Amino acid sequence: MDTGVEADGWATRWVEPLADLAAGTTTALVPDVIVTALALGLTHRYVGRTVATDVHGVPVRATVRSVQVRRRRAHLQSRVELAAVDWGGRRVDEVTVVAHGVRVVPGLRTRLSAHRLDVHGTSGVGTVLDWLNSLGHAWVLALDRDGSIRATHRRRRLTALVDVTVTDGVARIELGDARCYGVPVPGRLLPPRDVALPPLPGGAGSVCAAREGHLVRFAMQVPAVSYAFDPLGA
């Protein structure tokens, strides 16, 4: 994780106890005071700053709003709130990441791993439509002035209002007010369609999304991740 943050005396004070622990120390044996120091150190170093890292080989860049670390039996759980997220070229306004089963191997090169990430976020409808249009489907989606989504076929003179929800990676598309060359198309000819979404970066799955006004709220899961960082390095 690269933040461009220089080491300072405060960071040295919180990381030295971690460095004194054996590299193989299990997370369950890490004292609560060290867990608290870790949370405070991450907050001090990253909150309010832009960070860049990789998630399963996909570049991620975001501004950190908050960091929390809590003990959950033999593991830890962390909660990170991000803003202005760029995830493999996809822009997301706000994201909350909850990491489950977090393990810590403390040291000058601290290693963090988690067996699952639960990701929740919001993005503007326009941003989502731009992404969908980039997939090369036969329909071009646009936001009308009244906030409705209108689909226009790329080759035929077909238009329709669209409502889309996503459950477990499958998008349900419902069409209404469809017209062909300006002539209304009967609703019975426009049954809902289920379309599987293309794979997302980082192996994300269980994708769900729904629109709320001018925002799209989504949730997904990312499989196990692991990385190391130098708490004192730039």
Protein backbone atom coordinates (compact mmCIF):
# COMPACT_ATOMS: atom_id res chain seq x y z
CA MET A 1 0.00 0.00 0.00
CA ASP A 2 1.58 3.28 -1.09
CA THR A 3 0.52 6.52 0.59
CA GLY A 4 3.56 8.71 0.19
CA VAL A 5 3.46 9.26 3.99
CA GLU A 6 6.81 9.73 5.68
CA ALA A 7 7.63 7.96 8.93
CA ASP A 8 7.36 10.01 12.11
CA GLY A 9 7.99 9.54 15.82
CA TRP A 10 4.34 8.69 16.57
CA ALA A 11 4.36 5.86 14.04
CA THR A 12 7.62 4.55 15.50
CA ARG A 13 6.11 4.38 18.98
CA TRP A 14 3.11 2.31 17.89
CA VAL A 15 4.94 -0.09 15.60
CA GLU A 16 7.88 -0.95 17.89
CA PRO A 17 5.78 -3.23 20.16
CA LEU A 18 4.63 -5.09 17.04
CA ALA A 19 8.19 -5.53 15.83
CA ASP A 20 9.21 -7.04 19.17
CA LEU A 21 6.69 -9.87 18.80
CA ALA A 22 7.77 -13.07 17.07
CA ALA A 23 6.93 -13.08 13.37
CA GLY A 24 4.86 -16.25 13.77
CA THR A 25 2.74 -14.98 16.67
CA THR A 26 -0.88 -15.91 16.13
CA THR A 27 -3.47 -13.19 16.09
CA ALA A 28 -5.30 -14.81 19.00
CA LEU A 29 -2.27 -14.18 21.24
CA VAL A 30 -1.80 -10.55 20.28
CA PRO A 31 -2.74 -8.48 23.37
CA ASP A 32 -5.70 -6.12 23.15
CA VAL A 33 -3.39 -3.18 23.74
CA ILE A 34 -1.53 -4.09 20.55
CA VAL A 35 -4.80 -4.38 18.63
CA THR A 36 -5.72 -0.91 19.86
CA ALA A 37 -2.29 0.42 18.93
CA LEU A 38 -2.63 -1.10 15.46
CA ALA A 39 -6.02 0.57 14.94
CA LEU A 40 -4.72 3.93 16.14
CA GLY A 41 -1.61 3.61 14.00
CA LEU A 42 -3.60 2.82 10.84
CA THR A 43 -5.97 5.69 11.57
CA HIS A 44 -3.13 8.13 12.15
CA ARG A 45 -1.31 7.12 8.99
CA TYR A 46 -4.10 6.64 6.47
CA VAL A 47 -7.30 8.52 7.37
CA GLY A 48 -7.75 11.55 5.14
CA ARG A 49 -5.11 10.37 2.68
CA THR A 50 -5.24 8.76 -0.75
CA VAL A 51 -3.91 5.21 -0.85
CA ALA A 52 -3.15 2.80 -3.67
CA THR A 53 -2.91 -0.98 -3.51
CA ASP A 54 -3.79 -4.16 -5.44
CA VAL A 55 -6.69 -6.53 -4.73
CA HIS A 56 -6.11 -9.84 -6.51
CA GLY A 57 -3.96 -8.01 -9.06
CA VAL A 58 -6.50 -5.24 -9.68
CA PRO A 59 -5.27 -1.69 -8.90
CA VAL A 60 -7.37 0.16 -6.35
CA ARG A 61 -7.03 3.81 -5.41
CA ALA A 62 -9.18 5.63 -2.84
CA THR A 63 -9.32 8.22 -0.08
CA VAL A 64 -9.59 6.73 3.42
CA ARG A 65 -12.31 8.20 5.63
CA SER A 66 -12.09 5.93 8.66
CA VAL A 67 -10.47 2.74 9.95
CA GLN A 68 -11.70 0.47 12.75
CA VAL A 69 -10.18 -2.77 14.07
CA ARG A 70 -11.99 -5.06 16.54
CA ARG A 71 -11.31 -8.46 18.00
CA ARG A 72 -13.63 -11.30 16.95
CA ARG A 73 -12.63 -14.40 18.95
CA ALA A 74 -9.33 -15.71 17.53
CA HIS A 75 -9.35 -13.24 14.63
CA LEU A 76 -9.88 -9.56 14.05
CA GLN A 77 -12.48 -7.69 12.07
CA SER A 78 -11.72 -4.39 10.35
CA ARG A 79 -14.02 -1.78 8.85
CA VAL A 80 -12.72 0.78 6.38
CA GLU A 81 -14.73 3.60 4.82
CA LEU A 82 -13.45 4.89 1.47
CA ALA A 83 -14.38 7.69 -0.92
CA ALA A 84 -13.57 8.48 -4.56
CA VAL A 85 -12.69 4.86 -5.26
CA ASP A 86 -11.12 3.79 -8.55
CA TRP A 87 -11.28 -0.01 -8.75
CA GLY A 88 -9.71 -1.32 -11.91
CA GLY A 89 -10.87 1.77 -13.83
CA ARG A 90 -14.39 1.69 -12.37
CA ARG A 91 -15.30 4.78 -10.36
CA VAL A 92 -17.31 4.40 -7.14
CA ASP A 93 -18.38 7.30 -4.94
CA GLU A 94 -18.37 5.65 -1.51
CA VAL A 95 -17.37 2.18 -0.29
CA THR A 96 -17.40 0.46 3.09
CA VAL A 97 -15.23 -2.65 3.36
CA VAL A 98 -15.64 -5.07 6.27
CA ALA A 99 -12.82 -7.61 6.45
CA HIS A 100 -13.64 -10.86 8.27
CA GLY A 101 -11.17 -13.32 9.76
CA VAL A 102 -8.33 -10.81 9.79
CA ARG A 103 -4.95 -12.18 10.87
CA VAL A 104 -1.94 -10.06 11.75
CA VAL A 105 1.71 -11.08 11.60
CA PRO A 106 3.37 -8.07 13.19
CA GLY A 107 6.84 -6.83 12.36
CA LEU A 108 8.62 -4.14 10.40
CA ARG A 109 6.87 -5.69 7.38
CA THR A 110 3.43 -6.19 8.91
CA ARG A 111 1.32 -8.81 7.13
CA LEU A 112 -2.47 -8.61 7.07
CA SER A 113 -4.81 -11.23 5.66
CA ALA A 114 -8.58 -11.72 5.63
CA HIS A 115 -10.65 -14.71 4.54
CA ARG A 116 -13.45 -12.53 3.10
CA LEU A 117 -14.29 -8.92 2.33
CA ASP A 118 -17.87 -7.65 2.42
CA VAL A 119 -18.10 -4.56 0.24
CA HIS A 120 -21.00 -2.10 0.34
CA GLY A 121 -21.10 1.13 -1.61
CA THR A 122 -22.97 3.79 -3.54
CA SER A 123 -22.41 5.28 -6.95
CA GLY A 124 -24.23 7.79 -9.11
CA VAL A 125 -26.70 6.39 -11.63
CA GLY A 126 -24.84 8.14 -14.44
CA THR A 127 -21.57 6.43 -13.50
CA VAL A 128 -23.25 3.03 -13.53
CA LEU A 129 -24.89 3.69 -16.90
CA ASP A 130 -21.54 4.70 -18.38
CA TRP A 131 -20.07 1.39 -17.20
CA LEU A 132 -22.98 -0.64 -18.60
CA ASN A 133 -22.74 1.16 -21.96
CA SER A 134 -19.02 0.34 -22.12
CA LEU A 135 -19.84 -3.40 -22.12
CA GLY A 136 -20.98 -3.20 -25.75
CA HIS A 137 -24.58 -4.35 -25.37
CA ALA A 138 -27.14 -3.71 -28.10
CA TRP A 139 -28.84 -1.03 -25.98
CA VAL A 140 -27.57 2.41 -24.99
CA LEU A 141 -28.81 3.57 -21.59
CA ALA A 142 -29.35 7.23 -20.71
CA LEU A 143 -30.88 9.17 -17.83
CA ASP A 144 -33.95 11.25 -18.73
CA ARG A 145 -34.59 14.64 -17.16
CA ASP A 146 -37.28 13.15 -14.93
CA GLY A 147 -34.79 10.62 -13.56
CA SER A 148 -36.05 7.60 -15.50
CA ILE A 149 -33.67 5.40 -17.48
CA ARG A 150 -34.32 5.14 -21.20
CA ALA A 151 -32.81 2.46 -23.42
CA THR A 152 -32.27 2.98 -27.15
CA HIS A 153 -31.35 0.11 -29.44
CA ARG A 154 -28.08 0.69 -31.29
CA ARG A 155 -29.35 -0.66 -34.65
CA ARG A 156 -33.13 -0.60 -34.54
CA ARG A 157 -35.49 2.25 -33.83
CA LEU A 158 -36.57 0.86 -30.49
CA THR A 159 -36.80 2.75 -27.20
CA ALA A 160 -38.04 1.76 -23.77
CA LEU A 161 -37.96 2.79 -20.13
CA VAL A 162 -35.82 0.44 -18.05
CA ASP A 163 -35.76 -0.66 -14.43
CA VAL A 164 -32.87 -2.90 -13.34
CA THR A 165 -32.08 -4.73 -10.11
CA VAL A 166 -29.20 -7.11 -9.48
CA THR A 167 -29.34 -10.18 -7.21
CA ASP A 168 -26.46 -12.64 -6.83
CA GLY A 169 -24.78 -11.38 -10.00
CA VAL A 170 -27.87 -11.61 -12.19
CA ALA A 171 -29.54 -8.46 -13.50
CA ARG A 172 -33.32 -8.48 -13.87
CA ILE A 173 -34.34 -6.04 -16.61
CA GLU A 174 -37.92 -4.79 -16.79
CA LEU A 175 -39.06 -2.72 -19.80
CA GLY A 176 -41.93 -0.28 -19.98
CA ASP A 177 -43.28 2.38 -22.38
CA ALA A 178 -41.54 0.62 -25.27
CA ARG A 179 -41.90 2.06 -28.76
CA CYS A 180 -40.89 0.90 -32.22
CA TYR A 181 -40.70 3.69 -34.80
CA GLY A 182 -42.79 5.68 -32.33
CA VAL A 183 -45.55 3.06 -32.15
CA PRO A 184 -46.26 1.65 -28.63
CA VAL A 185 -45.31 -1.99 -28.11
CA PRO A 186 -47.78 -4.09 -26.03
CA GLY A 187 -46.45 -4.92 -22.56
CA ARG A 188 -47.11 -8.66 -23.04
CA LEU A 189 -44.36 -8.66 -25.64
CA LEU A 190 -41.85 -7.33 -23.11
CA PRO A 191 -41.41 -9.91 -20.33
CA PRO A 192 -38.65 -9.30 -17.74
CA ARG A 193 -35.23 -10.61 -18.74
CA ASP A 194 -32.49 -12.07 -16.53
CA VAL A 195 -28.94 -11.34 -17.67
CA ALA A 196 -25.79 -12.63 -15.93
CA LEU A 197 -23.28 -9.86 -15.27
CA PRO A 198 -19.74 -10.23 -16.63
CA PRO A 199 -17.03 -11.18 -14.12
CA LEU A 200 -15.93 -8.31 -11.88
CA PRO A 201 -12.31 -7.53 -10.98
CA GLY A 202 -10.71 -9.32 -8.07
CA GLY A 203 -13.01 -12.33 -8.16
CA ALA A 204 -15.88 -10.41 -6.59
CA GLY A 205 -19.16 -12.31 -6.39
CA SER A 206 -22.63 -12.35 -4.80
CA VAL A 207 -23.25 -8.96 -6.37
CA CYS A 208 -26.52 -7.21 -5.50
CA ALA A 209 -27.61 -3.71 -6.48
CA ALA A 210 -30.70 -1.52 -6.47
CA ARG A 211 -31.44 2.07 -7.38
CA GLU A 212 -32.46 4.70 -4.83
CA GLY A 213 -33.15 7.99 -6.55
CA HIS A 214 -29.99 9.26 -8.20
CA LEU A 215 -27.83 6.64 -6.46
CA VAL A 216 -27.20 2.94 -6.94
CA ARG A 217 -26.53 0.99 -3.75
CA PHE A 218 -24.60 -2.24 -4.17
CA ALA A 219 -23.06 -5.06 -2.16
CA MET A 220 -20.58 -7.80 -3.06
CA GLN A 221 -18.06 -10.20 -1.59
CA VAL A 222 -14.36 -10.47 -2.41
CA PRO A 223 -12.48 -13.72 -1.59
CA ALA A 224 -9.46 -13.99 0.70
CA VAL A 225 -6.82 -11.28 0.43
CA SER A 226 -3.35 -10.92 1.89
CA TYR A 227 -0.69 -8.24 1.67
CA ALA A 228 2.25 -6.79 3.55
CA PHE A 229 3.17 -3.18 4.18
CA ASP A 230 5.91 -1.25 5.96
CA PRO A 231 4.22 0.86 8.66
CA LEU A 232 7.24 3.19 8.70
CA GLY A 233 7.99 3.33 4.97
CA ALA A 234 6.89 5.97 2.50
